[in-house]
């Protein structure tokens, strides 16, 4: 069974940075696409960014383009999300997710099979 554990969330002022990590265990995910989603209070879970298995392909939500960067270290079975120029509207619980089934869109939660428990990111104004 795959387990994904996020870390690195916290409280930061607007304009600041955070780096989230997602460590996988239970199986290697070096051949699996992975992604980050977020869910603000009272809102639906929304796509943030996805990365292909090799790291060569990345897909960003328009709202985070130019500010967030996803990367992965397959040797460590870990995916990272570097978040810069944070805004109050980035406040949410951030979830890491991994793909098992192929062919599903990476920009929707239905495209993912494994989920972490989430880490809270709060950006103060």
PDB file of N, CA and C in Angstrom:
ATOM      1  N   UNK A   1       0.837  -1.186   0.000  1.00  0.00           N
ATOM      2  CA  UNK A   1       0.000   0.000   0.000  1.00  0.00           C
ATOM      3  C   UNK A   1       0.874   1.239   0.000  1.00  0.00           C
ATOM      4  N   UNK A   2       0.550   2.159  -0.859  1.00  0.00           N
ATOM      5  CA  UNK A   2       1.331   3.388  -0.973  1.00  0.00           C
ATOM      6  C   UNK A   2       0.900   4.381   0.097  1.00  0.00           C
ATOM      7  N   UNK A   3       1.875   4.993   0.706  1.00  0.00           N
ATOM      8  CA  UNK A   3       1.601   6.087   1.647  1.00  0.00           C
ATOM      9  C   UNK A   3       2.340   7.329   1.156  1.00  0.00           C
ATOM     10  N   UNK A   4       1.635   8.444   1.166  1.00  0.00           N
ATOM     11  CA  UNK A   4       2.219   9.730   0.811  1.00  0.00           C
ATOM     12  C   UNK A   4       2.137  10.627   2.033  1.00  0.00           C
ATOM     13  N   UNK A   5       3.257  11.217   2.392  1.00  0.00           N
ATOM     14  CA  UNK A   5       3.299  12.069   3.574  1.00  0.00           C
ATOM     15  C   UNK A   5       3.847  13.435   3.172  1.00  0.00           C
ATOM     16  N   UNK A   6       3.000  14.450   3.335  1.00  0.00           N
ATOM     17  CA  UNK A   6       3.410  15.818   3.033  1.00  0.00           C
ATOM     18  C   UNK A   6       4.021  16.470   4.264  1.00  0.00           C
ATOM     19  N   UNK A   7       4.906  17.402   4.015  1.00  0.00           N
ATOM     20  CA  UNK A   7       5.496  18.194   5.084  1.00  0.00           C
ATOM     21  C   UNK A   7       5.915  19.540   4.516  1.00  0.00           C
ATOM     22  N   UNK A   8       6.198  20.476   5.415  1.00  0.00           N
ATOM     23  CA  UNK A   8       6.702  21.771   4.990  1.00  0.00           C
ATOM     24  C   UNK A   8       5.705  22.898   5.031  1.00  0.00           C
ATOM     25  N   UNK A   9       4.455  22.585   5.356  1.00  0.00           N
ATOM     26  CA  UNK A   9       3.473  23.646   5.446  1.00  0.00           C
ATOM     27  C   UNK A   9       3.702  24.524   6.664  1.00  0.00           C
ATOM     28  N   UNK A  10       2.972  25.614   6.713  1.00  0.00           N
ATOM     29  CA  UNK A  10       3.106  26.511   7.849  1.00  0.00           C
ATOM     30  C   UNK A  10       2.484  27.854   7.588  1.00  0.00           C
ATOM     31  N   UNK A  11       2.826  28.800   8.427  1.00  0.00           N
ATOM     32  CA  UNK A  11       2.325  30.165   8.331  1.00  0.00           C
ATOM     33  C   UNK A  11       3.418  31.060   7.771  1.00  0.00           C
ATOM     34  N   UNK A  12       3.074  31.838   6.761  1.00  0.00           N
ATOM     35  CA  UNK A  12       4.046  32.720   6.134  1.00  0.00           C
ATOM     36  C   UNK A  12       3.356  34.019   5.739  1.00  0.00           C
ATOM     37  N   UNK A  13       4.103  35.078   5.708  1.00  0.00           N
ATOM     38  CA  UNK A  13       3.539  36.360   5.277  1.00  0.00           C
ATOM     39  C   UNK A  13       3.453  36.415   3.759  1.00  0.00           C
ATOM     40  N   UNK A  14       2.560  37.234   3.275  1.00  0.00           N
ATOM     41  CA  UNK A  14       2.437  37.426   1.833  1.00  0.00           C
ATOM     42  C   UNK A  14       3.780  37.850   1.248  1.00  0.00           C
ATOM     43  N   UNK A  15       4.102  37.258   0.112  1.00  0.00           N
ATOM     44  CA  UNK A  15       5.379  37.513  -0.516  1.00  0.00           C
ATOM     45  C   UNK A  15       6.461  36.528  -0.119  1.00  0.00           C
ATOM     46  N   UNK A  16       6.191  35.737   0.885  1.00  0.00           N
ATOM     47  CA  UNK A  16       7.158  34.768   1.369  1.00  0.00           C
ATOM     48  C   UNK A  16       7.155  33.481   0.576  1.00  0.00           C
ATOM     49  N   UNK A  17       7.945  32.532   1.055  1.00  0.00           N
ATOM     50  CA  UNK A  17       8.122  31.254   0.359  1.00  0.00           C
ATOM     51  C   UNK A  17       7.983  30.089   1.324  1.00  0.00           C
ATOM     52  N   UNK A  18       7.572  28.972   0.759  1.00  0.00           N
ATOM     53  CA  UNK A  18       7.550  27.698   1.468  1.00  0.00           C
ATOM     54  C   UNK A  18       7.928  26.607   0.496  1.00  0.00           C
ATOM     55  N   UNK A  19       8.476  25.540   1.027  1.00  0.00           N
ATOM     56  CA  UNK A  19       8.792  24.375   0.203  1.00  0.00           C
ATOM     57  C   UNK A  19       8.108  23.160   0.821  1.00  0.00           C
ATOM     58  N   UNK A  20       7.193  22.596   0.074  1.00  0.00           N
ATOM     59  CA  UNK A  20       6.503  21.396   0.513  1.00  0.00           C
ATOM     60  C   UNK A  20       7.221  20.163  -0.016  1.00  0.00           C
ATOM     61  N   UNK A  21       7.181  19.118   0.772  1.00  0.00           N
ATOM     62  CA  UNK A  21       7.730  17.835   0.352  1.00  0.00           C
ATOM     63  C   UNK A  21       6.654  16.775   0.448  1.00  0.00           C
ATOM     64  N   UNK A  22       6.756  15.784  -0.403  1.00  0.00           N
ATOM     65  CA  UNK A  22       5.835  14.651  -0.380  1.00  0.00           C
ATOM     66  C   UNK A  22       6.681  13.393  -0.520  1.00  0.00           C
ATOM     67  N   UNK A  23       6.783  12.658   0.565  1.00  0.00           N
ATOM     68  CA  UNK A  23       7.577  11.440   0.571  1.00  0.00           C
ATOM     69  C   UNK A  23       6.678  10.231   0.432  1.00  0.00           C
ATOM     70  N   UNK A  24       7.027   9.371  -0.498  1.00  0.00           N
ATOM     71  CA  UNK A  24       6.230   8.176  -0.762  1.00  0.00           C
ATOM     72  C   UNK A  24       6.908   6.958  -0.151  1.00  0.00           C
ATOM     73  N   UNK A  25       6.093   6.045   0.319  1.00  0.00           N
ATOM     74  CA  UNK A  25       6.592   4.774   0.825  1.00  0.00           C
ATOM     75  C   UNK A  25       5.632   3.672   0.422  1.00  0.00           C
ATOM     76  N   UNK A  26       6.094   2.457   0.486  1.00  0.00           N
ATOM     77  CA  UNK A  26       5.254   1.324   0.135  1.00  0.00           C
ATOM     78  C   UNK A  26       5.530   0.773  -1.248  1.00  0.00           C
ATOM     79  N   UNK A  27       5.896   1.652  -2.159  1.00  0.00           N
ATOM     80  CA  UNK A  27       6.323   1.235  -3.485  1.00  0.00           C
ATOM     81  C   UNK A  27       7.042   2.416  -4.121  1.00  0.00           C
ATOM     82  N   UNK A  28       7.888   2.122  -5.058  1.00  0.00           N
ATOM     83  CA  UNK A  28       8.549   3.206  -5.746  1.00  0.00           C
ATOM     84  C   UNK A  28       7.585   3.848  -6.731  1.00  0.00           C
ATOM     85  N   UNK A  29       7.620   5.160  -6.793  1.00  0.00           N
ATOM     86  CA  UNK A  29       6.731   5.900  -7.692  1.00  0.00           C
ATOM     87  C   UNK A  29       7.520   6.586  -8.801  1.00  0.00           C
ATOM     88  N   UNK A  30       8.683   6.038  -9.094  1.00  0.00           N
ATOM     89  CA  UNK A  30       9.543   6.685 -10.087  1.00  0.00           C
ATOM     90  C   UNK A  30       8.973   6.613 -11.490  1.00  0.00           C
ATOM     91  N   UNK A  31       7.980   5.744 -11.703  1.00  0.00           N
ATOM     92  CA  UNK A  31       7.343   5.636 -13.012  1.00  0.00           C
ATOM     93  C   UNK A  31       5.932   6.199 -13.008  1.00  0.00           C
ATOM     94  N   UNK A  32       5.590   6.961 -11.977  1.00  0.00           N
ATOM     95  CA  UNK A  32       4.239   7.470 -11.826  1.00  0.00           C
ATOM     96  C   UNK A  32       4.231   8.988 -11.863  1.00  0.00           C
ATOM     97  N   UNK A  33       3.255   9.524 -12.579  1.00  0.00           N
ATOM     98  CA  UNK A  33       3.033  10.960 -12.489  1.00  0.00           C
ATOM     99  C   UNK A  33       2.519  11.301 -11.094  1.00  0.00           C
ATOM    100  N   UNK A  34       2.823  12.507 -10.671  1.00  0.00           N
ATOM    101  CA  UNK A  34       2.373  12.950  -9.355  1.00  0.00           C
ATOM    102  C   UNK A  34       1.895  14.389  -9.452  1.00  0.00           C
ATOM    103  N   UNK A  35       1.132  14.789  -8.472  1.00  0.00           N
ATOM    104  CA  UNK A  35       0.588  16.136  -8.519  1.00  0.00           C
ATOM    105  C   UNK A  35       0.338  16.708  -7.139  1.00  0.00           C
ATOM    106  N   UNK A  36       0.057  17.992  -7.142  1.00  0.00           N
ATOM    107  CA  UNK A  36      -0.348  18.702  -5.932  1.00  0.00           C
ATOM    108  C   UNK A  36      -1.711  19.343  -6.177  1.00  0.00           C
ATOM    109  N   UNK A  37      -2.562  19.208  -5.202  1.00  0.00           N
ATOM    110  CA  UNK A  37      -3.858  19.866  -5.200  1.00  0.00           C
ATOM    111  C   UNK A  37      -3.962  20.678  -3.916  1.00  0.00           C
ATOM    112  N   UNK A  38      -4.935  21.550  -3.876  1.00  0.00           N
ATOM    113  CA  UNK A  38      -5.176  22.291  -2.643  1.00  0.00           C
ATOM    114  C   UNK A  38      -6.669  22.482  -2.452  1.00  0.00           C
ATOM    115  N   UNK A  39      -7.021  22.644  -1.194  1.00  0.00           N
ATOM    116  CA  UNK A  39      -8.429  22.842  -0.867  1.00  0.00           C
ATOM    117  C   UNK A  39      -8.532  23.899   0.204  1.00  0.00           C
ATOM    118  N   UNK A  40      -9.115  25.019  -0.164  1.00  0.00           N
ATOM    119  CA  UNK A  40      -9.361  26.086   0.790  1.00  0.00           C
ATOM    120  C   UNK A  40     -10.662  25.802   1.532  1.00  0.00           C
ATOM    121  N   UNK A  41     -10.800  26.402   2.685  1.00  0.00           N
ATOM    122  CA  UNK A  41     -11.977  26.179   3.508  1.00  0.00           C
ATOM    123  C   UNK A  41     -13.246  26.538   2.732  1.00  0.00           C
ATOM    124  N   UNK A  42     -14.173  25.609   2.675  1.00  0.00           N
ATOM    125  CA  UNK A  42     -15.442  25.847   2.010  1.00  0.00           C
ATOM    126  C   UNK A  42     -15.407  25.739   0.494  1.00  0.00           C
ATOM    127  N   UNK A  43     -14.279  25.337  -0.041  1.00  0.00           N
ATOM    128  CA  UNK A  43     -14.148  25.240  -1.490  1.00  0.00           C
ATOM    129  C   UNK A  43     -13.795  23.822  -1.901  1.00  0.00           C
ATOM    130  N   UNK A  44     -13.951  23.560  -3.197  1.00  0.00           N
ATOM    131  CA  UNK A  44     -13.595  22.251  -3.718  1.00  0.00           C
ATOM    132  C   UNK A  44     -12.075  22.134  -3.874  1.00  0.00           C
ATOM    133  N   UNK A  45     -11.630  20.899  -3.904  1.00  0.00           N
ATOM    134  CA  UNK A  45     -10.216  20.648  -4.124  1.00  0.00           C
ATOM    135  C   UNK A  45      -9.858  21.067  -5.555  1.00  0.00           C
ATOM    136  N   UNK A  46      -8.768  21.798  -5.683  1.00  0.00           N
ATOM    137  CA  UNK A  46      -8.400  22.296  -6.994  1.00  0.00           C
ATOM    138  C   UNK A  46      -6.979  21.887  -7.359  1.00  0.00           C
ATOM    139  N   UNK A  47      -6.767  21.722  -8.640  1.00  0.00           N
ATOM    140  CA  UNK A  47      -5.474  21.348  -9.181  1.00  0.00           C
ATOM    141  C   UNK A  47      -4.484  22.496  -9.031  1.00  0.00           C
ATOM    142  N   UNK A  48      -3.262  22.130  -8.671  1.00  0.00           N
ATOM    143  CA  UNK A  48      -2.190  23.117  -8.578  1.00  0.00           C
ATOM    144  C   UNK A  48      -1.127  22.850  -9.632  1.00  0.00           C
ATOM    145  N   UNK A  49      -0.583  21.629  -9.620  1.00  0.00           N
ATOM    146  CA  UNK A  49       0.509  21.318 -10.536  1.00  0.00           C
ATOM    147  C   UNK A  49       0.676  19.807 -10.611  1.00  0.00           C
ATOM    148  N   UNK A  50       1.170  19.327 -11.755  1.00  0.00           N
ATOM    149  CA  UNK A  50       1.475  17.910 -11.923  1.00  0.00           C
ATOM    150  C   UNK A  50       2.826  17.764 -12.598  1.00  0.00           C
ATOM    151  N   UNK A  51       3.424  16.593 -12.413  1.00  0.00           N
ATOM    152  CA  UNK A  51       4.731  16.328 -13.006  1.00  0.00           C
ATOM    153  C   UNK A  51       4.759  14.898 -13.512  1.00  0.00           C
ATOM    154  N   UNK A  52       5.321  14.709 -14.698  1.00  0.00           N
ATOM    155  CA  UNK A  52       5.452  13.382 -15.259  1.00  0.00           C
ATOM    156  C   UNK A  52       6.490  12.567 -14.514  1.00  0.00           C
ATOM    157  N   UNK A  53       6.556  11.281 -14.862  1.00  0.00           N
ATOM    158  CA  UNK A  53       7.411  10.388 -14.086  1.00  0.00           C
ATOM    159  C   UNK A  53       8.884  10.766 -14.161  1.00  0.00           C
ATOM    160  N   UNK A  54       9.309  11.316 -15.284  1.00  0.00           N
ATOM    161  CA  UNK A  54      10.719  11.657 -15.426  1.00  0.00           C
ATOM    162  C   UNK A  54      11.033  13.069 -14.961  1.00  0.00           C
ATOM    163  N   UNK A  55       9.991  13.849 -14.724  1.00  0.00           N
ATOM    164  CA  UNK A  55      10.201  15.248 -14.362  1.00  0.00           C
ATOM    165  C   UNK A  55      10.295  16.161 -15.560  1.00  0.00           C
ATOM    166  N   UNK A  56      10.256  15.590 -16.754  1.00  0.00           N
ATOM    167  CA  UNK A  56      10.404  16.388 -17.954  1.00  0.00           C
ATOM    168  C   UNK A  56       9.154  17.125 -18.364  1.00  0.00           C
ATOM    169  N   UNK A  57       8.015  16.688 -17.871  1.00  0.00           N
ATOM    170  CA  UNK A  57       6.750  17.334 -18.203  1.00  0.00           C
ATOM    171  C   UNK A  57       6.100  17.867 -16.941  1.00  0.00           C
ATOM    172  N   UNK A  58       5.718  19.113 -16.991  1.00  0.00           N
ATOM    173  CA  UNK A  58       5.036  19.719 -15.850  1.00  0.00           C
ATOM    174  C   UNK A  58       3.820  20.495 -16.343  1.00  0.00           C
ATOM    175  N   UNK A  59       2.822  20.580 -15.511  1.00  0.00           N
ATOM    176  CA  UNK A  59       1.567  21.253 -15.845  1.00  0.00           C
ATOM    177  C   UNK A  59       1.157  22.086 -14.636  1.00  0.00           C
ATOM    178  N   UNK A  60       0.943  23.376 -14.868  1.00  0.00           N
ATOM    179  CA  UNK A  60       0.637  24.286 -13.775  1.00  0.00           C
ATOM    180  C   UNK A  60      -0.735  24.916 -13.959  1.00  0.00           C
ATOM    181  N   UNK A  61      -1.418  25.120 -12.866  1.00  0.00           N
ATOM    182  CA  UNK A  61      -2.621  25.940 -12.890  1.00  0.00           C
ATOM    183  C   UNK A  61      -2.210  27.380 -13.169  1.00  0.00           C
ATOM    184  N   UNK A  62      -3.044  28.100 -13.883  1.00  0.00           N
ATOM    185  CA  UNK A  62      -2.709  29.477 -14.223  1.00  0.00           C
ATOM    186  C   UNK A  62      -2.450  30.322 -12.980  1.00  0.00           C
ATOM    187  N   UNK A  63      -3.133  30.018 -11.928  1.00  0.00           N
ATOM    188  CA  UNK A  63      -3.040  30.830 -10.717  1.00  0.00           C
ATOM    189  C   UNK A  63      -1.674  30.741 -10.035  1.00  0.00           C
ATOM    190  N   UNK A  64      -0.884  29.726 -10.371  1.00  0.00           N
ATOM    191  CA  UNK A  64       0.410  29.555  -9.706  1.00  0.00           C
ATOM    192  C   UNK A  64       1.592  29.623 -10.673  1.00  0.00           C
ATOM    193  N   UNK A  65       1.318  29.731 -11.952  1.00  0.00           N
ATOM    194  CA  UNK A  65       2.404  29.802 -12.931  1.00  0.00           C
ATOM    195  C   UNK A  65       3.345  30.954 -12.627  1.00  0.00           C
ATOM    196  N   UNK A  66       4.632  30.675 -12.699  1.00  0.00           N
ATOM    197  CA  UNK A  66       5.623  31.699 -12.446  1.00  0.00           C
ATOM    198  C   UNK A  66       5.958  31.881 -10.979  1.00  0.00           C
ATOM    199  N   UNK A  67       5.161  31.286 -10.105  1.00  0.00           N
ATOM    200  CA  UNK A  67       5.409  31.411  -8.652  1.00  0.00           C
ATOM    201  C   UNK A  67       5.756  30.075  -8.004  1.00  0.00           C
ATOM    202  N   UNK A  68       5.131  29.007  -8.475  1.00  0.00           N
ATOM    203  CA  UNK A  68       5.345  27.676  -7.913  1.00  0.00           C
ATOM    204  C   UNK A  68       6.172  26.835  -8.875  1.00  0.00           C
ATOM    205  N   UNK A  69       6.985  25.951  -8.298  1.00  0.00           N
ATOM    206  CA  UNK A  69       7.782  25.036  -9.109  1.00  0.00           C
ATOM    207  C   UNK A  69       7.727  23.646  -8.505  1.00  0.00           C
ATOM    208  N   UNK A  70       7.359  22.679  -9.329  1.00  0.00           N
ATOM    209  CA  UNK A  70       7.334  21.293  -8.889  1.00  0.00           C
ATOM    210  C   UNK A  70       8.599  20.600  -9.361  1.00  0.00           C
ATOM    211  N   UNK A  71       9.088  19.691  -8.549  1.00  0.00           N
ATOM    212  CA  UNK A  71      10.249  18.892  -8.930  1.00  0.00           C
ATOM    213  C   UNK A  71      10.137  17.549  -8.231  1.00  0.00           C
ATOM    214  N   UNK A  72      10.965  16.609  -8.663  1.00  0.00           N
ATOM    215  CA  UNK A  72      10.928  15.296  -8.034  1.00  0.00           C
ATOM    216  C   UNK A  72      12.328  14.718  -7.984  1.00  0.00           C
ATOM    217  N   UNK A  73      12.533  13.903  -6.978  1.00  0.00           N
ATOM    218  CA  UNK A  73      13.781  13.165  -6.819  1.00  0.00           C
ATOM    219  C   UNK A  73      13.392  11.697  -6.726  1.00  0.00           C
ATOM    220  N   UNK A  74      13.483  11.004  -7.840  1.00  0.00           N
ATOM    221  CA  UNK A  74      13.018   9.607  -7.871  1.00  0.00           C
ATOM    222  C   UNK A  74      13.878   8.705  -6.998  1.00  0.00           C
ATOM    223  N   UNK A  75      15.118   9.065  -6.809  1.00  0.00           N
ATOM    224  CA  UNK A  75      15.975   8.262  -5.934  1.00  0.00           C
ATOM    225  C   UNK A  75      15.478   8.310  -4.489  1.00  0.00           C
ATOM    226  N   UNK A  76      14.848   9.416  -4.144  1.00  0.00           N
ATOM    227  CA  UNK A  76      14.313   9.569  -2.787  1.00  0.00           C
ATOM    228  C   UNK A  76      12.817   9.328  -2.721  1.00  0.00           C
ATOM    229  N   UNK A  77      12.218   9.019  -3.890  1.00  0.00           N
ATOM    230  CA  UNK A  77      10.767   8.780  -3.927  1.00  0.00           C
ATOM    231  C   UNK A  77      10.013   9.980  -3.350  1.00  0.00           C
ATOM    232  N   UNK A  78      10.446  11.157  -3.711  1.00  0.00           N
ATOM    233  CA  UNK A  78       9.922  12.387  -3.117  1.00  0.00           C
ATOM    234  C   UNK A  78       9.649  13.426  -4.200  1.00  0.00           C
ATOM    235  N   UNK A  79       8.554  14.148  -3.994  1.00  0.00           N
ATOM    236  CA  UNK A  79       8.195  15.256  -4.867  1.00  0.00           C
ATOM    237  C   UNK A  79       8.184  16.531  -4.027  1.00  0.00           C
ATOM    238  N   UNK A  80       8.581  17.615  -4.656  1.00  0.00           N
ATOM    239  CA  UNK A  80       8.666  18.894  -3.950  1.00  0.00           C
ATOM    240  C   UNK A  80       7.804  19.947  -4.637  1.00  0.00           C
ATOM    241  N   UNK A  81       7.363  20.895  -3.843  1.00  0.00           N
ATOM    242  CA  UNK A  81       6.650  22.046  -4.394  1.00  0.00           C
ATOM    243  C   UNK A  81       7.249  23.300  -3.767  1.00  0.00           C
ATOM    244  N   UNK A  82       8.004  24.022  -4.569  1.00  0.00           N
ATOM    245  CA  UNK A  82       8.561  25.296  -4.125  1.00  0.00           C
ATOM    246  C   UNK A  82       7.550  26.388  -4.424  1.00  0.00           C
ATOM    247  N   UNK A  83       7.139  27.101  -3.394  1.00  0.00           N
ATOM    248  CA  UNK A  83       6.126  28.135  -3.545  1.00  0.00           C
ATOM    249  C   UNK A  83       6.735  29.480  -3.182  1.00  0.00           C
ATOM    250  N   UNK A  84       6.793  30.357  -4.142  1.00  0.00           N
ATOM    251  CA  UNK A  84       7.341  31.701  -3.942  1.00  0.00           C
ATOM    252  C   UNK A  84       6.251  32.741  -4.148  1.00  0.00           C
ATOM    253  N   UNK A  85       6.528  33.943  -3.703  1.00  0.00           N
ATOM    254  CA  UNK A  85       5.589  35.063  -3.868  1.00  0.00           C
ATOM    255  C   UNK A  85       4.184  34.665  -3.432  1.00  0.00           C
ATOM    256  N   UNK A  86       4.106  34.072  -2.285  1.00  0.00           N
ATOM    257  CA  UNK A  86       2.820  33.563  -1.804  1.00  0.00           C
ATOM    258  C   UNK A  86       1.832  34.693  -1.552  1.00  0.00           C
ATOM    259  N   UNK A  87       0.572  34.372  -1.808  1.00  0.00           N
ATOM    260  CA  UNK A  87      -0.516  35.325  -1.641  1.00  0.00           C
ATOM    261  C   UNK A  87      -1.517  34.768  -0.636  1.00  0.00           C
ATOM    262  N   UNK A  88      -2.292  35.629  -0.010  1.00  0.00           N
ATOM    263  CA  UNK A  88      -3.311  35.123   0.926  1.00  0.00           C
ATOM    264  C   UNK A  88      -4.256  34.111   0.279  1.00  0.00           C
ATOM    265  N   UNK A  89      -4.525  34.274  -0.995  1.00  0.00           N
ATOM    266  CA  UNK A  89      -5.435  33.333  -1.677  1.00  0.00           C
ATOM    267  C   UNK A  89      -4.797  31.960  -1.908  1.00  0.00           C
ATOM    268  N   UNK A  90      -3.522  31.808  -1.603  1.00  0.00           N
ATOM    269  CA  UNK A  90      -2.890  30.496  -1.663  1.00  0.00           C
ATOM    270  C   UNK A  90      -3.150  29.689  -0.391  1.00  0.00           C
ATOM    271  N   UNK A  91      -3.765  30.307   0.590  1.00  0.00           N
ATOM    272  CA  UNK A  91      -4.070  29.614   1.838  1.00  0.00           C
ATOM    273  C   UNK A  91      -4.986  28.432   1.589  1.00  0.00           C
ATOM    274  N   UNK A  92      -4.557  27.257   2.020  1.00  0.00           N
ATOM    275  CA  UNK A  92      -5.328  26.035   1.789  1.00  0.00           C
ATOM    276  C   UNK A  92      -4.589  24.868   2.423  1.00  0.00           C
ATOM    277  N   UNK A  93      -5.261  23.738   2.424  1.00  0.00           N
ATOM    278  CA  UNK A  93      -4.576  22.482   2.716  1.00  0.00           C
ATOM    279  C   UNK A  93      -4.045  21.960   1.386  1.00  0.00           C
ATOM    280  N   UNK A  94      -2.776  21.637   1.355  1.00  0.00           N
ATOM    281  CA  UNK A  94      -2.136  21.142   0.137  1.00  0.00           C
ATOM    282  C   UNK A  94      -1.970  19.632   0.227  1.00  0.00           C
ATOM    283  N   UNK A  95      -2.423  18.967  -0.824  1.00  0.00           N
ATOM    284  CA  UNK A  95      -2.382  17.516  -0.890  1.00  0.00           C
ATOM    285  C   UNK A  95      -1.472  17.050  -2.014  1.00  0.00           C
ATOM    286  N   UNK A  96      -0.706  16.049  -1.708  1.00  0.00           N
ATOM    287  CA  UNK A  96       0.113  15.367  -2.712  1.00  0.00           C
ATOM    288  C   UNK A  96      -0.675  14.156  -3.200  1.00  0.00           C
ATOM    289  N   UNK A  97      -0.525  13.842  -4.483  1.00  0.00           N
ATOM    290  CA  UNK A  97      -1.245  12.707  -5.044  1.00  0.00           C
ATOM    291  C   UNK A  97      -0.391  12.002  -6.089  1.00  0.00           C
ATOM    292  N   UNK A  98      -0.653  10.715  -6.262  1.00  0.00           N
ATOM    293  CA  UNK A  98       0.105   9.917  -7.222  1.00  0.00           C
ATOM    294  C   UNK A  98      -0.838   9.149  -8.134  1.00  0.00           C
ATOM    295  N   UNK A  99      -0.385   8.970  -9.358  1.00  0.00           N
ATOM    296  CA  UNK A  99      -1.173   8.273 -10.368  1.00  0.00           C
ATOM    297  C   UNK A  99      -0.770   6.817 -10.441  1.00  0.00           C
ATOM    298  N   UNK A 100      -1.768   5.931 -10.494  1.00  0.00           N
ATOM    299  CA  UNK A 100      -1.522   4.525 -10.781  1.00  0.00           C
ATOM    300  C   UNK A 100      -2.092   4.169 -12.148  1.00  0.00           C
ATOM    301  N   UNK A 101      -3.338   4.540 -12.371  1.00  0.00           N
ATOM    302  CA  UNK A 101      -3.995   4.242 -13.639  1.00  0.00           C
ATOM    303  C   UNK A 101      -3.555   5.272 -14.677  1.00  0.00           C
ATOM    304  N   UNK A 102      -3.298   4.806 -15.857  1.00  0.00           N
ATOM    305  CA  UNK A 102      -2.844   5.702 -16.913  1.00  0.00           C
ATOM    306  C   UNK A 102      -4.023   6.212 -17.735  1.00  0.00           C
ATOM    307  N   UNK A 103      -3.807   7.332 -18.405  1.00  0.00           N
ATOM    308  CA  UNK A 103      -4.803   7.813 -19.362  1.00  0.00           C
ATOM    309  C   UNK A 103      -5.835   8.762 -18.813  1.00  0.00           C
ATOM    310  N   UNK A 104      -5.804   9.029 -17.522  1.00  0.00           N
ATOM    311  CA  UNK A 104      -6.769   9.951 -16.946  1.00  0.00           C
ATOM    312  C   UNK A 104      -6.147  11.338 -16.838  1.00  0.00           C
ATOM    313  N   UNK A 105      -6.973  12.373 -16.892  1.00  0.00           N
ATOM    314  CA  UNK A 105      -6.414  13.727 -16.854  1.00  0.00           C
ATOM    315  C   UNK A 105      -5.718  14.011 -15.536  1.00  0.00           C
ATOM    316  N   UNK A 106      -4.608  14.675 -15.622  1.00  0.00           N
ATOM    317  CA  UNK A 106      -3.819  14.977 -14.438  1.00  0.00           C
ATOM    318  C   UNK A 106      -4.296  16.226 -13.715  1.00  0.00           C
ATOM    319  N   UNK A 107      -5.253  16.937 -14.298  1.00  0.00           N
ATOM    320  CA  UNK A 107      -5.706  18.181 -13.701  1.00  0.00           C
ATOM    321  C   UNK A 107      -6.965  18.031 -12.860  1.00  0.00           C
ATOM    322  N   UNK A 108      -7.420  16.798 -12.693  1.00  0.00           N
ATOM    323  CA  UNK A 108      -8.603  16.565 -11.854  1.00  0.00           C
ATOM    324  C   UNK A 108      -8.282  15.527 -10.789  1.00  0.00           C
ATOM    325  N   UNK A 109      -8.921  15.620  -9.637  1.00  0.00           N
ATOM    326  CA  UNK A 109      -8.652  14.645  -8.574  1.00  0.00           C
ATOM    327  C   UNK A 109      -8.919  13.208  -9.014  1.00  0.00           C
ATOM    328  N   UNK A 110      -9.879  13.015  -9.918  1.00  0.00           N
ATOM    329  CA  UNK A 110     -10.205  11.662 -10.365  1.00  0.00           C
ATOM    330  C   UNK A 110      -9.057  10.979 -11.091  1.00  0.00           C
ATOM    331  N   UNK A 111      -8.060  11.751 -11.514  1.00  0.00           N
ATOM    332  CA  UNK A 111      -6.934  11.178 -12.225  1.00  0.00           C
ATOM    333  C   UNK A 111      -5.894  10.545 -11.323  1.00  0.00           C
ATOM    334  N   UNK A 112      -6.101  10.600 -10.015  1.00  0.00           N
ATOM    335  CA  UNK A 112      -5.102  10.151  -9.051  1.00  0.00           C
ATOM    336  C   UNK A 112      -5.650   9.036  -8.179  1.00  0.00           C
ATOM    337  N   UNK A 113      -4.736   8.173  -7.761  1.00  0.00           N
ATOM    338  CA  UNK A 113      -5.137   6.984  -7.012  1.00  0.00           C
ATOM    339  C   UNK A 113      -4.679   6.996  -5.556  1.00  0.00           C
ATOM    340  N   UNK A 114      -3.635   7.722  -5.273  1.00  0.00           N
ATOM    341  CA  UNK A 114      -3.113   7.769  -3.908  1.00  0.00           C
ATOM    342  C   UNK A 114      -3.032   9.222  -3.465  1.00  0.00           C
ATOM    343  N   UNK A 115      -3.375   9.439  -2.210  1.00  0.00           N
ATOM    344  CA  UNK A 115      -3.405  10.794  -1.662  1.00  0.00           C
ATOM    345  C   UNK A 115      -2.722  10.834  -0.305  1.00  0.00           C
ATOM    346  N   UNK A 116      -2.066  11.964  -0.048  1.00  0.00           N
ATOM    347  CA  UNK A 116      -1.530  12.201   1.274  1.00  0.00           C
ATOM    348  C   UNK A 116      -2.594  12.788   2.184  1.00  0.00           C
ATOM    349  N   UNK A 117      -2.214  13.034   3.413  1.00  0.00           N
ATOM    350  CA  UNK A 117      -3.172  13.536   4.401  1.00  0.00           C
ATOM    351  C   UNK A 117      -3.300  15.058   4.348  1.00  0.00           C
ATOM    352  N   UNK A 118      -2.377  15.701   3.659  1.00  0.00           N
ATOM    353  CA  UNK A 118      -2.440  17.148   3.501  1.00  0.00           C
ATOM    354  C   UNK A 118      -1.586  17.899   4.509  1.00  0.00           C
ATOM    355  N   UNK A 119      -1.173  19.083   4.105  1.00  0.00           N
ATOM    356  CA  UNK A 119      -0.423  19.973   4.992  1.00  0.00           C
ATOM    357  C   UNK A 119      -0.971  21.384   4.830  1.00  0.00           C
ATOM    358  N   UNK A 120      -1.163  22.060   5.942  1.00  0.00           N
ATOM    359  CA  UNK A 120      -1.787  23.376   5.919  1.00  0.00           C
ATOM    360  C   UNK A 120      -0.775  24.454   5.539  1.00  0.00           C
ATOM    361  N   UNK A 121      -1.174  25.285   4.610  1.00  0.00           N
ATOM    362  CA  UNK A 121      -0.403  26.475   4.240  1.00  0.00           C
ATOM    363  C   UNK A 121      -1.284  27.688   4.497  1.00  0.00           C
ATOM    364  N   UNK A 122      -0.795  28.589   5.309  1.00  0.00           N
ATOM    365  CA  UNK A 122      -1.532  29.802   5.627  1.00  0.00           C
ATOM    366  C   UNK A 122      -0.672  31.013   5.288  1.00  0.00           C
ATOM    367  N   UNK A 123      -1.216  31.890   4.458  1.00  0.00           N
ATOM    368  CA  UNK A 123      -0.491  33.084   4.038  1.00  0.00           C
ATOM    369  C   UNK A 123      -1.220  34.293   4.598  1.00  0.00           C
ATOM    370  N   UNK A 124      -0.536  35.029   5.440  1.00  0.00           N
ATOM    371  CA  UNK A 124      -1.145  36.207   6.061  1.00  0.00           C
ATOM    372  C   UNK A 124      -0.863  37.453   5.227  1.00  0.00           C
ATOM    373  N   UNK A 125      -1.804  38.370   5.271  1.00  0.00           N
ATOM    374  CA  UNK A 125      -1.657  39.600   4.475  1.00  0.00           C
ATOM    375  C   UNK A 125      -0.917  40.675   5.242  1.00  0.00           C
TER     376      UNK A 125
END
